[in-house]
Amino acid sequence: MSAPVMLWRDVDMAILLCTTHFSVYRKKKPAQKLFGSIMNILIMLTSCVSHLIGIGRCIALKLSKLGAKVFAISRTESDLDSLKKEDSSIETRCLDIGNWDNTRKVIEEIGQVDLLVNNAAILGCKTVLEVTEEFIDEHFDVNFKAAVNISQIVAKGIVARKGSGAIVNISSISGFLATPGYPMYCTTKAAMDMLTKSMALEFGPLKIRVNSCNPSGLLTPMGEKLWTSPELKDAFTGRIPMGRFIEPEEVANTAAFLLSDYASMINGALVPVDGGHIIHMSSNPVQ
């Protein structure tokens, strides 16, 4: 039976960029100032839903609380306004990062950027037999090409300044495990994982670390559309040894760590944030 044709654009933050490489957190510094020496961080939000509780929004708020200056980008002005109301220190830009040329213009106007989080994604439900060229292009434009585009701008800037930096790509365990009905989403995430390794190899000698954060299921607004009943939720969490969904805060904490000097020799890693979801083949390891 064919999967229903749907396309969701609920992922709320696409990319995080920071200007000026931050120093190592020291015991004398309070934790909330971990990013105190960062001048600017750019976070791009893509089509947030009304409640704005997704990964990207959480990363933006987390890094702002840690002392970073945050810039947020979204295609939806109302979502940016909502974020701004919650944290007035966050700067915002309205932009569709699927537009290659316009994205370059906006990012270049931001100026110096040394830290980046690529978190853009859309999730469409069509089988391989159902996908169209437009459907494929739309997924790769947002989920993959936008990360290449913005990473290129950031890396070139760091090299030109003879600086150093870090990039974190927010991927998914769907880059490791195929999910029925979502072949294009899984494929773009697998592509993102190889991009992480390729950039880590190329950028490492340039003093730029690149890593990936690969979450399992989260009950974000997009996740709520996937797990629509208690039975579906129980079936999913039953495969996770920790026995529950991942919290956006846990992904944000991982991204913050990978950006920091605590991770100064972590490069090219694909870091699952999944409670052990991908380590086994049993149907229900919890019971």
Protein backbone atom coordinates (compact mmCIF):
# COMPACT_ATOMS: atom_id res chain seq x y z
CA MET A 1 0.00 0.00 0.00
CA SER A 2 1.38 3.38 -0.98
CA ALA A 3 2.31 5.83 1.74
CA PRO A 4 0.23 9.01 1.98
CA VAL A 5 1.68 11.98 0.16
CA MET A 6 2.66 14.63 2.68
CA LEU A 7 5.33 17.26 3.03
CA TRP A 8 6.11 18.80 6.39
CA ARG A 9 8.20 21.87 6.99
CA ASP A 10 8.03 21.94 10.74
CA VAL A 11 11.73 21.83 11.57
CA ASP A 12 12.28 25.14 13.24
CA MET A 13 15.96 25.93 13.02
CA ALA A 14 18.25 25.33 10.18
CA ILE A 15 21.69 26.69 10.80
CA LEU A 16 23.74 28.18 13.56
CA LEU A 17 26.72 30.35 12.88
CA CYS A 18 29.00 32.01 15.41
CA THR A 19 31.55 34.71 14.96
CA THR A 20 34.80 34.56 16.86
CA HIS A 21 35.97 31.19 18.13
CA PHE A 22 35.15 30.85 21.82
CA SER A 23 37.69 30.03 24.48
CA VAL A 24 37.70 26.87 26.61
CA TYR A 25 35.29 27.00 29.53
CA ARG A 26 37.22 27.25 32.79
CA LYS A 27 36.12 26.46 36.32
CA LYS A 28 36.15 30.11 37.34
CA LYS A 29 33.64 30.96 34.63
CA PRO A 30 29.95 30.26 35.29
CA ALA A 31 28.42 27.64 33.01
CA GLN A 32 25.95 30.12 31.58
CA LYS A 33 28.89 32.03 30.08
CA LEU A 34 30.38 29.07 28.21
CA PHE A 35 30.04 31.05 25.00
CA GLY A 36 30.81 34.41 26.59
CA SER A 37 33.60 35.27 24.16
CA ILE A 38 31.50 34.63 21.05
CA MET A 39 30.54 37.84 19.32
CA ASN A 40 27.82 36.51 17.06
CA ILE A 41 25.90 33.32 16.42
CA LEU A 42 23.56 32.86 13.52
CA ILE A 43 20.74 30.34 13.76
CA MET A 44 18.46 29.82 10.82
CA LEU A 45 14.91 28.75 11.48
CA THR A 46 12.96 26.99 8.73
CA SER A 47 9.19 27.14 8.90
CA CYS A 48 8.64 26.78 12.61
CA VAL A 49 5.24 25.65 13.76
CA SER A 50 3.23 27.84 16.08
CA HIS A 51 4.49 26.31 19.32
CA LEU A 52 8.15 26.55 18.29
CA ILE A 53 9.48 23.70 20.38
CA GLY A 54 11.76 22.02 17.87
CA ILE A 55 15.48 21.32 17.94
CA GLY A 56 16.68 24.50 16.29
CA ARG A 57 14.72 26.82 18.52
CA CYS A 58 16.05 24.96 21.54
CA ILE A 59 19.62 25.30 20.26
CA ALA A 60 19.16 29.03 19.71
CA LEU A 61 17.82 29.62 23.21
CA LYS A 62 20.44 27.34 24.78
CA LEU A 63 23.39 29.06 23.15
CA SER A 64 21.97 32.48 23.90
CA LYS A 65 21.70 31.53 27.58
CA LEU A 66 25.30 30.32 27.43
CA GLY A 67 26.38 33.82 26.47
CA ALA A 68 26.29 33.75 22.67
CA LYS A 69 24.93 36.49 20.46
CA VAL A 70 22.36 34.68 18.31
CA PHE A 71 21.01 35.45 14.87
CA ALA A 72 17.95 33.45 13.79
CA ILE A 73 16.75 32.95 10.22
CA SER A 74 13.37 31.56 9.20
CA ARG A 75 11.01 31.70 6.25
CA THR A 76 8.20 32.58 8.65
CA GLU A 77 8.23 36.06 10.15
CA SER A 78 5.74 35.21 12.90
CA ASP A 79 8.00 32.42 14.16
CA LEU A 80 10.90 34.81 14.35
CA ASP A 81 8.75 37.32 16.23
CA SER A 82 7.79 34.61 18.73
CA LEU A 83 11.44 33.68 19.30
CA LYS A 84 12.38 37.34 19.69
CA LYS A 85 9.70 37.76 22.35
CA GLU A 86 11.14 34.87 24.33
CA ASP A 87 14.71 36.15 24.04
CA SER A 88 15.02 39.76 22.95
CA SER A 89 18.80 39.48 22.52
CA ILE A 90 18.36 37.19 19.49
CA GLU A 91 18.62 38.91 16.11
CA THR A 92 16.42 37.63 13.27
CA ARG A 93 16.38 37.48 9.47
CA CYS A 94 13.55 36.21 7.27
CA LEU A 95 14.94 33.95 4.52
CA ASP A 96 14.24 30.77 2.55
CA ILE A 97 17.59 28.94 2.69
CA GLY A 98 16.51 26.80 -0.25
CA ASN A 99 17.32 29.84 -2.41
CA TRP A 100 21.05 29.43 -3.04
CA ASP A 101 21.95 32.94 -4.23
CA ASN A 102 19.78 34.89 -1.81
CA THR A 103 21.07 32.80 1.09
CA ARG A 104 24.67 33.61 0.18
CA LYS A 105 23.86 37.30 0.09
CA VAL A 106 22.19 37.31 3.52
CA ILE A 107 24.88 35.19 5.20
CA GLU A 108 27.70 37.26 3.76
CA GLU A 109 26.02 40.42 5.07
CA ILE A 110 26.11 38.97 8.59
CA GLY A 111 29.89 39.24 8.57
CA GLN A 112 32.42 37.22 10.55
CA VAL A 113 31.22 33.76 11.50
CA ASP A 114 33.32 31.07 13.15
CA LEU A 115 30.77 28.53 14.43
CA LEU A 116 27.94 26.96 12.48
CA VAL A 117 25.08 24.55 13.14
CA ASN A 118 23.32 23.19 10.04
CA ASN A 119 19.84 22.17 11.18
CA ALA A 120 17.60 22.69 8.15
CA ALA A 121 15.25 19.89 7.16
CA ILE A 122 11.93 19.08 5.58
CA LEU A 123 10.25 15.68 5.86
CA GLY A 124 8.11 14.42 3.03
CA CYS A 125 6.27 11.10 2.88
CA LYS A 126 6.50 9.49 -0.58
CA THR A 127 7.84 6.11 -1.58
CA VAL A 128 10.57 5.67 -4.19
CA LEU A 129 7.86 4.71 -6.68
CA GLU A 130 5.97 7.93 -5.95
CA VAL A 131 8.65 10.62 -5.78
CA THR A 132 8.89 13.27 -8.45
CA GLU A 133 11.87 15.32 -9.57
CA GLU A 134 10.42 18.35 -7.79
CA PHE A 135 9.98 16.38 -4.56
CA ILE A 136 13.58 15.12 -4.69
CA ASP A 137 15.00 18.56 -5.50
CA GLU A 138 13.05 20.20 -2.71
CA HIS A 139 14.46 17.78 -0.13
CA PHE A 140 18.02 18.12 -1.34
CA ASP A 141 17.79 21.92 -1.66
CA VAL A 142 16.85 22.34 2.00
CA ASN A 143 18.25 19.26 3.74
CA PHE A 144 21.62 19.08 1.97
CA LYS A 145 22.51 21.84 -0.49
CA ALA A 146 21.77 24.62 1.99
CA ALA A 147 24.31 23.10 4.39
CA VAL A 148 26.93 22.94 1.65
CA ASN A 149 26.20 26.51 0.62
CA ILE A 150 26.43 28.05 4.07
CA SER A 151 29.31 25.88 5.24
CA GLN A 152 31.29 27.04 2.21
CA ILE A 153 30.72 30.69 3.07
CA VAL A 154 31.65 30.18 6.72
CA ALA A 155 34.75 28.09 6.00
CA LYS A 156 36.07 30.53 3.41
CA GLY A 157 35.64 33.37 5.89
CA ILE A 158 37.52 31.51 8.62
CA VAL A 159 40.36 30.65 6.24
CA ALA A 160 40.59 34.22 4.97
CA ARG A 161 40.89 35.50 8.56
CA LYS A 162 43.40 32.74 9.41
CA GLY A 163 41.09 31.79 12.27
CA SER A 164 39.59 28.56 13.58
CA GLY A 165 36.07 27.29 14.09
CA ALA A 166 33.60 24.42 14.29
CA ILE A 167 30.58 23.15 12.38
CA VAL A 168 27.86 20.87 13.72
CA ASN A 169 25.44 19.23 11.29
CA ILE A 170 22.13 18.16 12.81
CA SER A 171 21.42 14.90 11.02
CA SER A 172 19.33 11.92 12.19
CA ILE A 173 19.57 8.21 12.87
CA SER A 174 17.53 8.06 9.65
CA GLY A 175 20.90 8.50 7.97
CA PHE A 176 21.80 5.06 9.40
CA LEU A 177 18.42 3.31 9.35
CA ALA A 178 15.91 3.33 6.49
CA THR A 179 12.39 4.44 7.44
CA PRO A 180 9.46 3.15 5.35
CA GLY A 181 7.76 5.93 3.40
CA TYR A 182 10.57 8.47 3.83
CA PRO A 183 13.33 7.46 1.39
CA MET A 184 14.25 11.00 0.37
CA TYR A 185 14.51 12.25 3.95
CA CYS A 186 16.71 9.26 4.88
CA THR A 187 18.84 9.74 1.78
CA THR A 188 19.45 13.42 2.47
CA LYS A 189 20.45 12.60 6.05
CA ALA A 190 22.87 9.92 4.85
CA ALA A 191 24.28 12.50 2.45
CA MET A 192 24.63 14.94 5.35
CA ASP A 193 26.60 12.34 7.30
CA MET A 194 29.05 11.81 4.45
CA LEU A 195 29.28 15.58 4.03
CA THR A 196 30.27 15.77 7.69
CA LYS A 197 33.12 13.31 7.15
CA SER A 198 34.21 14.96 3.90
CA MET A 199 34.26 18.44 5.40
CA ALA A 200 36.07 17.17 8.51
CA LEU A 201 38.77 15.71 6.27
CA GLU A 202 39.06 18.83 4.12
CA PHE A 203 38.63 21.47 6.83
CA GLY A 204 40.65 19.82 9.61
CA PRO A 205 43.98 21.13 8.31
CA LEU A 206 42.32 24.57 8.12
CA LYS A 207 41.57 24.48 11.88
CA ILE A 208 37.84 23.89 11.38
CA ARG A 209 36.25 20.89 13.10
CA VAL A 210 33.10 19.30 11.65
CA ASN A 211 30.85 16.83 13.46
CA SER A 212 27.31 15.52 13.20
CA CYS A 213 24.60 15.15 15.84
CA ASN A 214 22.19 12.33 14.95
CA PRO A 215 19.03 12.31 17.09
CA SER A 216 16.42 9.59 17.28
CA GLY A 217 12.72 10.44 17.64
CA LEU A 218 11.64 13.64 19.33
CA LEU A 219 8.11 14.76 20.12
CA THR A 220 8.55 18.06 18.33
CA PRO A 221 5.56 19.34 16.32
CA MET A 222 6.86 17.33 13.35
CA GLY A 223 7.27 14.25 15.53
CA GLU A 224 3.71 14.54 16.77
CA LYS A 225 2.57 14.09 13.16
CA LEU A 226 4.55 10.86 12.90
CA TRP A 227 3.44 9.28 16.18
CA THR A 228 -0.24 10.07 16.24
CA SER A 229 -1.41 7.54 18.83
CA PRO A 230 -0.23 6.11 22.16
CA GLU A 231 0.23 2.74 20.46
CA LEU A 232 2.61 4.18 17.85
CA LYS A 233 4.54 6.08 20.51
CA ASP A 234 4.87 2.97 22.69
CA ALA A 235 6.02 0.88 19.73
CA PHE A 236 8.73 3.42 18.92
CA THR A 237 10.02 4.01 22.44
CA GLY A 238 9.95 0.25 23.00
CA ARG A 239 12.92 -0.01 20.65
CA ILE A 240 14.93 2.54 22.67
CA PRO A 241 16.84 1.00 25.60
CA MET A 242 16.35 4.21 27.58
CA GLY A 243 12.60 3.75 27.03
CA ARG A 244 11.59 7.27 26.00
CA PHE A 245 11.72 9.93 23.29
CA ILE A 246 14.67 12.29 22.99
CA GLU A 247 14.24 15.82 24.37
CA PRO A 248 15.26 18.83 22.21
CA GLU A 249 17.36 20.05 25.13
CA GLU A 250 19.47 16.89 24.88
CA VAL A 251 20.25 17.61 21.25
CA ALA A 252 21.01 21.25 22.07
CA ASN A 253 23.41 20.19 24.84
CA THR A 254 25.23 17.87 22.43
CA ALA A 255 25.54 20.59 19.79
CA ALA A 256 26.87 23.05 22.37
CA PHE A 257 29.47 20.52 23.51
CA LEU A 258 30.61 19.76 19.95
CA LEU A 259 31.00 23.48 19.27
CA SER A 260 33.05 24.03 22.41
CA ASP A 261 36.76 23.54 23.04
CA TYR A 262 35.85 20.60 25.25
CA ALA A 263 35.50 18.79 21.90
CA SER A 264 38.76 20.20 20.51
CA MET A 265 39.94 16.83 19.12
CA ILE A 266 36.54 15.50 18.04
CA ASN A 267 36.39 15.80 14.26
CA GLY A 268 34.38 13.84 11.70
CA ALA A 269 32.25 12.10 14.35
CA LEU A 270 28.61 11.08 13.86
CA VAL A 271 27.21 11.33 17.38
CA PRO A 272 23.92 9.48 18.00
CA VAL A 273 21.59 11.12 20.52
CA ASP A 274 19.22 8.20 20.56
CA GLY A 275 19.17 6.42 23.93
CA GLY A 276 20.77 3.39 22.27
CA HIS A 277 18.22 3.09 19.47
CA ILE A 278 20.70 1.98 16.79
CA ILE A 279 22.81 -0.48 18.81
CA HIS A 280 20.55 -3.54 18.53
CA MET A 281 18.21 -5.55 16.30
CA SER A 282 15.68 -6.74 18.90
CA SER A 283 12.06 -5.65 18.55
CA ASN A 284 11.70 -4.49 22.14
CA PRO A 285 14.85 -4.45 24.30
CA VAL A 286 13.17 -2.56 27.15
CA GLN A 287 10.85 -5.38 28.23
